N, C-alpha and C. Protein backbone atom coordinates (compact mmCIF):
# COMPACT_ATOMS: atom_id res chain seq x y z
N MET A 1 0.84 -1.18 0.00
CA MET A 1 0.00 0.00 0.00
C MET A 1 0.88 1.24 0.00
N SER A 2 0.58 2.14 -0.86
CA SER A 2 1.40 3.35 -0.93
C SER A 2 0.98 4.32 0.16
N ARG A 3 1.82 5.26 0.40
CA ARG A 3 1.58 6.26 1.43
C ARG A 3 0.29 7.04 1.17
N SER A 4 0.03 7.35 -0.08
CA SER A 4 -1.17 8.14 -0.41
C SER A 4 -2.45 7.35 -0.17
N SER A 5 -2.42 6.04 -0.43
CA SER A 5 -3.64 5.26 -0.20
C SER A 5 -3.93 5.10 1.29
N THR A 6 -2.87 5.07 2.13
CA THR A 6 -3.06 5.00 3.57
C THR A 6 -3.75 6.25 4.09
N SER A 7 -3.29 7.40 3.65
CA SER A 7 -3.89 8.64 4.12
C SER A 7 -5.33 8.77 3.64
N LYS A 8 -5.59 8.24 2.42
CA LYS A 8 -6.97 8.30 1.91
C LYS A 8 -7.89 7.44 2.76
N SER A 9 -7.43 6.23 3.13
CA SER A 9 -8.30 5.36 3.90
C SER A 9 -8.58 5.94 5.28
N ARG A 10 -7.61 6.61 5.83
CA ARG A 10 -7.84 7.25 7.13
C ARG A 10 -8.83 8.39 7.02
N SER A 11 -8.74 9.13 5.94
CA SER A 11 -9.64 10.27 5.81
C SER A 11 -11.07 9.84 5.59
N LYS A 12 -11.25 8.61 5.07
CA LYS A 12 -12.61 8.11 4.84
C LYS A 12 -13.21 7.48 6.09
N SER A 13 -12.39 7.20 7.10
CA SER A 13 -12.92 6.54 8.30
C SER A 13 -13.84 7.50 9.06
N ALA A 14 -14.78 6.92 9.73
CA ALA A 14 -15.76 7.72 10.46
C ALA A 14 -15.09 8.39 11.66
N PHE A 15 -15.44 9.61 11.89
CA PHE A 15 -14.93 10.35 13.04
C PHE A 15 -16.07 10.51 14.02
N LEU A 16 -15.87 9.99 15.20
CA LEU A 16 -16.90 10.12 16.23
C LEU A 16 -16.46 11.17 17.23
N PRO A 17 -17.24 12.19 17.38
CA PRO A 17 -16.85 13.22 18.38
C PRO A 17 -16.90 12.63 19.78
N LEU A 18 -15.96 13.05 20.60
CA LEU A 18 -15.93 12.58 21.98
C LEU A 18 -17.03 13.25 22.79
N ASP A 19 -17.63 12.49 23.64
CA ASP A 19 -18.67 13.02 24.52
C ASP A 19 -17.99 13.80 25.64
N ASP A 20 -18.23 15.08 25.70
CA ASP A 20 -17.58 15.93 26.70
C ASP A 20 -17.90 15.49 28.12
N THR A 21 -19.06 14.89 28.33
CA THR A 21 -19.41 14.49 29.69
C THR A 21 -18.52 13.37 30.20
N LEU A 22 -17.93 12.59 29.30
CA LEU A 22 -17.02 11.54 29.73
C LEU A 22 -15.76 12.11 30.38
N PHE A 23 -15.38 13.27 29.90
CA PHE A 23 -14.13 13.86 30.35
C PHE A 23 -14.34 15.06 31.26
N ALA A 24 -15.55 15.27 31.66
CA ALA A 24 -15.83 16.41 32.52
C ALA A 24 -15.15 16.20 33.87
N VAL A 25 -14.53 17.22 34.35
CA VAL A 25 -13.85 17.17 35.64
C VAL A 25 -14.72 17.91 36.64
N LYS A 26 -15.01 17.24 37.73
CA LYS A 26 -15.81 17.89 38.76
C LYS A 26 -14.97 18.98 39.39
N ARG A 27 -15.46 20.17 39.31
CA ARG A 27 -14.72 21.30 39.89
C ARG A 27 -14.97 21.36 41.39
N ARG A 28 -13.90 21.54 42.09
CA ARG A 28 -14.02 21.69 43.54
C ARG A 28 -14.47 23.10 43.86
N LYS A 29 -15.26 23.18 44.92
CA LYS A 29 -15.63 24.50 45.39
C LYS A 29 -14.38 25.15 45.96
N PRO A 30 -14.28 26.45 45.83
CA PRO A 30 -13.12 27.10 46.45
C PRO A 30 -13.19 26.94 47.97
N ALA A 31 -12.05 26.83 48.58
CA ALA A 31 -12.01 26.67 50.03
C ALA A 31 -12.56 27.91 50.71
N PRO A 32 -13.43 27.74 51.70
CA PRO A 32 -13.89 28.92 52.44
C PRO A 32 -12.73 29.49 53.25
N HIS A 33 -12.68 30.78 53.35
CA HIS A 33 -11.67 31.46 54.18
C HIS A 33 -10.27 30.95 53.82
N GLU A 34 -9.96 30.97 52.53
CA GLU A 34 -8.72 30.40 52.01
C GLU A 34 -7.46 31.02 52.61
N PHE A 35 -7.57 32.22 53.12
CA PHE A 35 -6.41 32.86 53.73
C PHE A 35 -5.89 32.06 54.93
N VAL A 36 -6.75 31.27 55.56
CA VAL A 36 -6.33 30.41 56.67
C VAL A 36 -5.39 29.32 56.16
N LEU A 37 -5.75 28.71 55.03
CA LEU A 37 -4.87 27.71 54.42
C LEU A 37 -3.52 28.32 54.06
N ASP A 38 -3.55 29.52 53.53
CA ASP A 38 -2.30 30.19 53.17
C ASP A 38 -1.44 30.43 54.41
N ALA A 39 -2.07 30.83 55.51
CA ALA A 39 -1.33 31.12 56.74
C ALA A 39 -0.72 29.85 57.34
N LEU A 40 -1.41 28.72 57.18
CA LEU A 40 -0.92 27.46 57.75
C LEU A 40 -0.02 26.68 56.80
N ALA A 41 0.20 27.19 55.60
CA ALA A 41 0.99 26.50 54.58
C ALA A 41 2.38 26.05 55.06
N PRO A 42 3.08 26.81 55.90
CA PRO A 42 4.41 26.35 56.33
C PRO A 42 4.38 25.00 57.07
N LEU A 43 3.21 24.60 57.58
CA LEU A 43 3.08 23.33 58.30
C LEU A 43 2.66 22.18 57.38
N SER A 44 2.53 22.45 56.08
CA SER A 44 2.08 21.45 55.10
C SER A 44 0.81 20.75 55.56
N PRO A 45 -0.26 21.51 55.79
CA PRO A 45 -1.50 20.89 56.28
C PRO A 45 -2.16 20.02 55.23
N ARG A 46 -2.95 19.06 55.70
CA ARG A 46 -3.81 18.23 54.84
C ARG A 46 -5.23 18.73 55.01
N THR A 47 -6.02 18.59 53.99
CA THR A 47 -7.42 18.99 54.11
C THR A 47 -8.30 17.80 53.79
N ARG A 48 -9.49 17.88 54.33
CA ARG A 48 -10.46 16.81 54.11
C ARG A 48 -11.85 17.42 54.22
N SER A 49 -12.70 17.03 53.31
CA SER A 49 -14.08 17.50 53.35
C SER A 49 -14.77 16.82 54.53
N MET A 50 -15.49 17.59 55.30
CA MET A 50 -16.17 17.06 56.48
C MET A 50 -17.45 17.84 56.73
N PHE A 51 -18.58 17.17 56.63
CA PHE A 51 -19.89 17.79 56.88
C PHE A 51 -20.13 19.02 56.01
N GLY A 52 -19.64 19.01 54.79
CA GLY A 52 -19.80 20.15 53.91
C GLY A 52 -18.87 21.30 54.24
N CYS A 53 -17.90 21.05 55.09
CA CYS A 53 -16.91 22.05 55.48
C CYS A 53 -15.54 21.53 55.07
N LEU A 54 -14.49 22.27 55.39
CA LEU A 54 -13.15 21.84 55.07
C LEU A 54 -12.34 21.72 56.36
N ALA A 55 -11.99 20.49 56.71
CA ALA A 55 -11.19 20.24 57.92
C ALA A 55 -9.71 20.35 57.57
N ILE A 56 -8.94 20.94 58.45
CA ILE A 56 -7.50 21.11 58.24
C ILE A 56 -6.76 20.36 59.32
N TYR A 57 -5.86 19.50 58.87
CA TYR A 57 -5.05 18.66 59.77
C TYR A 57 -3.59 19.08 59.67
N VAL A 58 -2.92 19.10 60.81
CA VAL A 58 -1.49 19.28 60.86
C VAL A 58 -0.95 18.05 61.57
N GLU A 59 -0.15 17.30 60.83
CA GLU A 59 0.31 15.98 61.29
C GLU A 59 -0.91 15.15 61.65
N GLU A 60 -1.00 14.62 62.85
CA GLU A 60 -2.13 13.76 63.19
C GLU A 60 -3.31 14.53 63.80
N LYS A 61 -3.15 15.82 64.02
CA LYS A 61 -4.20 16.61 64.69
C LYS A 61 -5.09 17.35 63.70
N ILE A 62 -6.38 17.36 64.03
CA ILE A 62 -7.28 18.28 63.34
C ILE A 62 -7.18 19.58 64.11
N VAL A 63 -6.92 20.68 63.41
CA VAL A 63 -6.72 21.95 64.10
C VAL A 63 -7.87 22.91 63.91
N VAL A 64 -8.38 23.01 62.69
CA VAL A 64 -9.51 23.91 62.44
C VAL A 64 -10.41 23.32 61.36
N ILE A 65 -11.61 23.82 61.33
CA ILE A 65 -12.54 23.55 60.23
C ILE A 65 -12.97 24.89 59.68
N LEU A 66 -13.00 24.99 58.36
CA LEU A 66 -13.43 26.23 57.70
C LEU A 66 -14.85 26.01 57.20
N ARG A 67 -15.73 26.92 57.57
CA ARG A 67 -17.15 26.75 57.23
C ARG A 67 -17.72 28.04 56.67
N ASN A 68 -18.40 27.90 55.54
CA ASN A 68 -19.13 29.02 54.95
C ASN A 68 -20.31 28.44 54.17
N LYS A 69 -21.27 27.91 54.90
CA LYS A 69 -22.39 27.22 54.26
C LYS A 69 -23.41 28.18 53.67
N ASP A 70 -23.69 29.26 54.34
CA ASP A 70 -24.69 30.22 53.88
C ASP A 70 -23.93 31.42 53.33
N LYS A 71 -23.92 31.53 52.02
CA LYS A 71 -23.13 32.58 51.38
C LYS A 71 -23.58 33.99 51.77
N ALA A 72 -24.82 34.12 52.21
CA ALA A 72 -25.30 35.44 52.61
C ALA A 72 -24.72 35.85 53.95
N GLY A 73 -24.04 34.92 54.63
CA GLY A 73 -23.42 35.24 55.90
C GLY A 73 -24.38 35.22 57.08
N LEU A 74 -25.54 34.66 56.88
CA LEU A 74 -26.53 34.66 57.96
C LEU A 74 -26.36 33.50 58.92
N ASP A 75 -25.63 32.48 58.54
CA ASP A 75 -25.45 31.32 59.41
C ASP A 75 -24.47 31.67 60.54
N PRO A 76 -24.90 31.59 61.79
CA PRO A 76 -24.03 32.01 62.89
C PRO A 76 -22.81 31.10 63.11
N ASP A 77 -22.81 29.90 62.49
CA ASP A 77 -21.68 29.00 62.66
C ASP A 77 -20.66 29.07 61.52
N ASN A 78 -20.86 30.00 60.59
CA ASN A 78 -19.86 30.22 59.56
C ASN A 78 -18.63 30.84 60.20
N GLY A 79 -17.48 30.42 59.74
CA GLY A 79 -16.24 31.00 60.25
C GLY A 79 -15.17 29.95 60.37
N VAL A 80 -14.31 30.14 61.35
CA VAL A 80 -13.21 29.21 61.61
C VAL A 80 -13.50 28.51 62.92
N TRP A 81 -13.66 27.19 62.83
CA TRP A 81 -13.90 26.38 64.03
C TRP A 81 -12.56 25.94 64.58
N LEU A 82 -12.36 26.14 65.86
CA LEU A 82 -11.13 25.71 66.52
C LEU A 82 -11.37 24.37 67.21
N ALA A 83 -10.50 23.43 66.95
CA ALA A 83 -10.56 22.13 67.63
C ALA A 83 -9.86 22.31 68.97
N THR A 84 -10.62 22.20 70.03
CA THR A 84 -10.06 22.42 71.36
C THR A 84 -10.84 21.57 72.36
N THR A 85 -10.58 21.78 73.62
CA THR A 85 -11.33 21.10 74.67
C THR A 85 -11.89 22.15 75.61
N GLN A 86 -12.88 21.75 76.37
CA GLN A 86 -13.58 22.68 77.25
C GLN A 86 -12.63 23.34 78.26
N GLU A 87 -11.61 22.62 78.68
CA GLU A 87 -10.66 23.19 79.65
C GLU A 87 -9.91 24.41 79.11
N HIS A 88 -9.85 24.57 77.79
CA HIS A 88 -9.12 25.69 77.19
C HIS A 88 -10.02 26.86 76.77
N HIS A 89 -11.31 26.71 76.91
CA HIS A 89 -12.23 27.75 76.45
C HIS A 89 -11.95 29.11 77.08
N GLU A 90 -11.81 29.14 78.39
CA GLU A 90 -11.63 30.42 79.08
C GLU A 90 -10.37 31.14 78.62
N SER A 91 -9.26 30.42 78.54
CA SER A 91 -8.01 31.07 78.13
C SER A 91 -8.07 31.49 76.66
N LEU A 92 -8.69 30.69 75.81
CA LEU A 92 -8.83 31.08 74.40
C LEU A 92 -9.77 32.27 74.24
N ARG A 93 -10.78 32.35 75.09
CA ARG A 93 -11.72 33.48 75.00
C ARG A 93 -11.02 34.80 75.33
N ARG A 94 -9.99 34.75 76.15
CA ARG A 94 -9.22 35.98 76.42
C ARG A 94 -8.50 36.43 75.15
N ASP A 95 -8.04 35.46 74.35
CA ASP A 95 -7.38 35.79 73.08
C ASP A 95 -8.37 36.12 71.98
N PHE A 96 -9.57 35.52 72.06
CA PHE A 96 -10.59 35.68 71.02
C PHE A 96 -11.93 36.01 71.67
N PRO A 97 -12.17 37.27 72.00
CA PRO A 97 -13.40 37.65 72.71
C PRO A 97 -14.69 37.28 71.98
N ASN A 98 -14.67 37.19 70.64
CA ASN A 98 -15.88 36.85 69.88
C ASN A 98 -16.09 35.34 69.73
N MET A 99 -15.15 34.54 70.21
CA MET A 99 -15.25 33.09 70.10
C MET A 99 -16.40 32.57 70.96
N ARG A 100 -17.07 31.53 70.46
CA ARG A 100 -18.16 30.91 71.22
C ARG A 100 -18.31 29.47 70.75
N SER A 101 -19.13 28.71 71.48
CA SER A 101 -19.42 27.34 71.06
C SER A 101 -20.26 27.38 69.79
N ILE A 102 -20.05 26.40 68.93
CA ILE A 102 -20.88 26.32 67.73
C ILE A 102 -22.27 25.88 68.14
N LYS A 103 -23.24 26.26 67.35
CA LYS A 103 -24.64 25.97 67.68
C LYS A 103 -25.19 24.78 66.91
N VAL A 104 -24.61 24.47 65.77
CA VAL A 104 -25.17 23.47 64.87
C VAL A 104 -25.24 22.07 65.50
N LEU A 105 -24.42 21.79 66.50
CA LEU A 105 -24.44 20.48 67.14
C LEU A 105 -25.54 20.34 68.18
N GLY A 106 -26.19 21.45 68.52
CA GLY A 106 -27.33 21.40 69.42
C GLY A 106 -26.98 21.36 70.90
N LYS A 107 -25.73 21.36 71.24
CA LYS A 107 -25.33 21.36 72.65
C LYS A 107 -24.96 22.78 73.05
N LYS A 108 -25.11 23.09 74.34
CA LYS A 108 -24.74 24.42 74.79
C LYS A 108 -23.23 24.64 74.68
N ILE A 109 -22.48 23.69 75.18
CA ILE A 109 -21.01 23.81 75.16
C ILE A 109 -20.44 22.60 74.44
N THR A 110 -19.58 22.87 73.47
CA THR A 110 -18.92 21.79 72.75
C THR A 110 -17.41 22.03 72.80
N GLY A 111 -16.67 21.03 72.42
CA GLY A 111 -15.22 21.21 72.29
C GLY A 111 -14.89 22.15 71.15
N TRP A 112 -15.73 22.15 70.14
CA TRP A 112 -15.52 23.03 69.00
C TRP A 112 -15.95 24.44 69.34
N GLN A 113 -15.09 25.38 69.05
CA GLN A 113 -15.39 26.79 69.24
C GLN A 113 -15.26 27.49 67.89
N VAL A 114 -16.08 28.50 67.66
CA VAL A 114 -16.05 29.19 66.37
C VAL A 114 -15.61 30.63 66.55
N ILE A 115 -14.79 31.06 65.63
CA ILE A 115 -14.54 32.49 65.43
C ILE A 115 -15.47 32.84 64.29
N PRO A 116 -16.60 33.50 64.61
CA PRO A 116 -17.64 33.70 63.59
C PRO A 116 -17.19 34.66 62.48
N SER A 117 -17.56 34.33 61.26
CA SER A 117 -17.15 35.15 60.12
C SER A 117 -17.82 36.52 60.11
N ASP A 118 -18.89 36.68 60.89
CA ASP A 118 -19.54 38.00 60.93
C ASP A 118 -18.97 38.90 62.03
N ALA A 119 -17.95 38.42 62.76
CA ALA A 119 -17.31 39.26 63.78
C ALA A 119 -16.50 40.35 63.10
N GLU A 120 -16.46 41.52 63.71
CA GLU A 120 -15.72 42.65 63.13
C GLU A 120 -14.24 42.33 62.92
N ASP A 121 -13.67 41.55 63.82
CA ASP A 121 -12.23 41.25 63.75
C ASP A 121 -11.97 39.84 63.21
N PHE A 122 -12.88 39.30 62.39
CA PHE A 122 -12.80 37.91 61.95
C PHE A 122 -11.43 37.55 61.36
N GLU A 123 -11.00 38.25 60.33
CA GLU A 123 -9.75 37.88 59.66
C GLU A 123 -8.56 38.01 60.60
N GLU A 124 -8.54 39.08 61.37
CA GLU A 124 -7.45 39.29 62.33
C GLU A 124 -7.43 38.16 63.37
N ALA A 125 -8.59 37.81 63.90
CA ALA A 125 -8.67 36.75 64.91
C ALA A 125 -8.31 35.39 64.30
N ALA A 126 -8.78 35.12 63.09
CA ALA A 126 -8.45 33.85 62.43
C ALA A 126 -6.95 33.74 62.19
N LEU A 127 -6.32 34.82 61.81
CA LEU A 127 -4.86 34.80 61.60
C LEU A 127 -4.11 34.65 62.93
N ARG A 128 -4.66 35.22 64.01
CA ARG A 128 -4.05 35.00 65.34
C ARG A 128 -4.14 33.52 65.72
N ALA A 129 -5.28 32.90 65.41
CA ALA A 129 -5.44 31.47 65.68
C ALA A 129 -4.41 30.67 64.87
N CYS A 130 -4.20 31.06 63.63
CA CYS A 130 -3.19 30.40 62.80
C CYS A 130 -1.80 30.55 63.41
N ASP A 131 -1.52 31.73 63.94
CA ASP A 131 -0.22 31.95 64.60
C ASP A 131 -0.05 31.00 65.79
N LEU A 132 -1.12 30.78 66.54
CA LEU A 132 -1.06 29.84 67.67
C LEU A 132 -0.80 28.42 67.18
N VAL A 133 -1.45 28.03 66.09
CA VAL A 133 -1.23 26.70 65.53
C VAL A 133 0.23 26.59 65.05
N LEU A 134 0.71 27.61 64.37
CA LEU A 134 2.09 27.61 63.88
C LEU A 134 3.09 27.49 65.04
N ALA A 135 2.75 28.10 66.17
CA ALA A 135 3.62 28.06 67.35
C ALA A 135 3.47 26.77 68.15
N GLY A 136 2.53 25.91 67.75
CA GLY A 136 2.33 24.65 68.45
C GLY A 136 1.57 24.79 69.76
N ASP A 137 0.73 25.81 69.87
CA ASP A 137 -0.06 26.02 71.09
C ASP A 137 -0.91 24.77 71.36
N PRO A 138 -0.77 24.19 72.55
CA PRO A 138 -1.49 22.94 72.86
C PRO A 138 -3.00 23.11 73.02
N ARG A 139 -3.49 24.35 73.08
CA ARG A 139 -4.92 24.57 73.24
C ARG A 139 -5.71 24.34 71.96
N ILE A 140 -5.02 24.34 70.81
CA ILE A 140 -5.71 24.17 69.54
C ILE A 140 -5.19 22.90 68.87
N GLY A 141 -6.13 22.02 68.57
CA GLY A 141 -5.80 20.77 67.88
C GLY A 141 -6.15 19.57 68.72
N LYS A 142 -6.74 18.60 68.07
CA LYS A 142 -7.10 17.34 68.73
C LYS A 142 -6.77 16.19 67.80
N VAL A 143 -6.32 15.10 68.38
CA VAL A 143 -6.12 13.89 67.60
C VAL A 143 -7.48 13.20 67.54
N PRO A 144 -8.01 13.02 66.33
CA PRO A 144 -9.34 12.39 66.23
C PRO A 144 -9.31 10.96 66.76
N GLY A 145 -10.43 10.52 67.29
CA GLY A 145 -10.56 9.14 67.77
C GLY A 145 -10.47 8.17 66.61
N ALA A 146 -10.15 6.95 66.91
CA ALA A 146 -10.06 5.93 65.87
C ALA A 146 -11.42 5.72 65.24
N ARG A 147 -11.44 5.53 63.95
CA ARG A 147 -12.71 5.29 63.25
C ARG A 147 -13.08 3.83 63.38
N ARG A 148 -14.35 3.60 63.54
CA ARG A 148 -14.85 2.23 63.55
C ARG A 148 -14.98 1.76 62.11
N ALA A 149 -14.60 0.52 61.89
CA ALA A 149 -14.74 -0.05 60.56
C ALA A 149 -16.22 -0.24 60.26
N LYS A 150 -16.62 0.06 59.04
CA LYS A 150 -18.02 -0.14 58.66
C LYS A 150 -18.26 -1.63 58.53
N THR A 151 -19.37 -2.06 59.09
CA THR A 151 -19.71 -3.48 58.99
C THR A 151 -21.08 -3.61 58.36
N SER A 152 -21.29 -4.74 57.75
CA SER A 152 -22.59 -4.99 57.15
C SER A 152 -23.59 -5.35 58.24
N LYS A 153 -24.85 -5.28 57.95
CA LYS A 153 -25.89 -5.63 58.90
C LYS A 153 -25.79 -7.11 59.28
N LYS A 154 -25.47 -7.95 58.29
CA LYS A 154 -25.33 -9.38 58.56
C LYS A 154 -24.21 -9.64 59.56
N ALA A 155 -23.06 -8.98 59.37
CA ALA A 155 -21.94 -9.18 60.27
C ALA A 155 -22.28 -8.68 61.67
N ALA A 156 -23.01 -7.60 61.76
CA ALA A 156 -23.41 -7.07 63.07
C ALA A 156 -24.35 -8.04 63.78
N LYS A 157 -25.27 -8.66 63.03
CA LYS A 157 -26.20 -9.62 63.63
C LYS A 157 -25.46 -10.86 64.13
N LYS A 158 -24.46 -11.30 63.38
CA LYS A 158 -23.67 -12.45 63.79
C LYS A 158 -22.95 -12.18 65.11
N ARG A 159 -22.38 -11.00 65.21
CA ARG A 159 -21.66 -10.65 66.45
C ARG A 159 -22.62 -10.54 67.63
N ALA A 160 -23.85 -10.10 67.38
CA ALA A 160 -24.84 -9.94 68.45
C ALA A 160 -25.30 -11.28 69.00
N ARG A 161 -25.15 -12.35 68.24
CA ARG A 161 -25.62 -13.68 68.68
C ARG A 161 -24.73 -14.26 69.68
């Protein structure tokens, strides 16, 4: 077969356009309060989607969660959630006067505290919290509990017998 006949046969072959939906890439939502990620970048944090928010881990500790569920800013739990324990609330409140327990969990006091995004000093306070994380302040950050392996209903019934 000569070179010209090869090119002719190729030009006669059917061309099927590719379906764009096959190659569509799901776009990630931009991170809420992205400046927090930038501030924590020297620690090489990992992120993970959690409850429609963005959890930030430094080594084995979860340190903060970034939340901006209601774009209008009306949700009182939007902001930067600090992973802490109740014993540190009072001392952290001295550093962050607008900090409070999150409300979405339905409890009066939780380990999670929020620097609300509607606070006048939100960005300044969030960056101060980042400085504490960068300095290794023990009041911010918790090692999450071990996850239970998911089991099927049949396996659970067998164990119950």
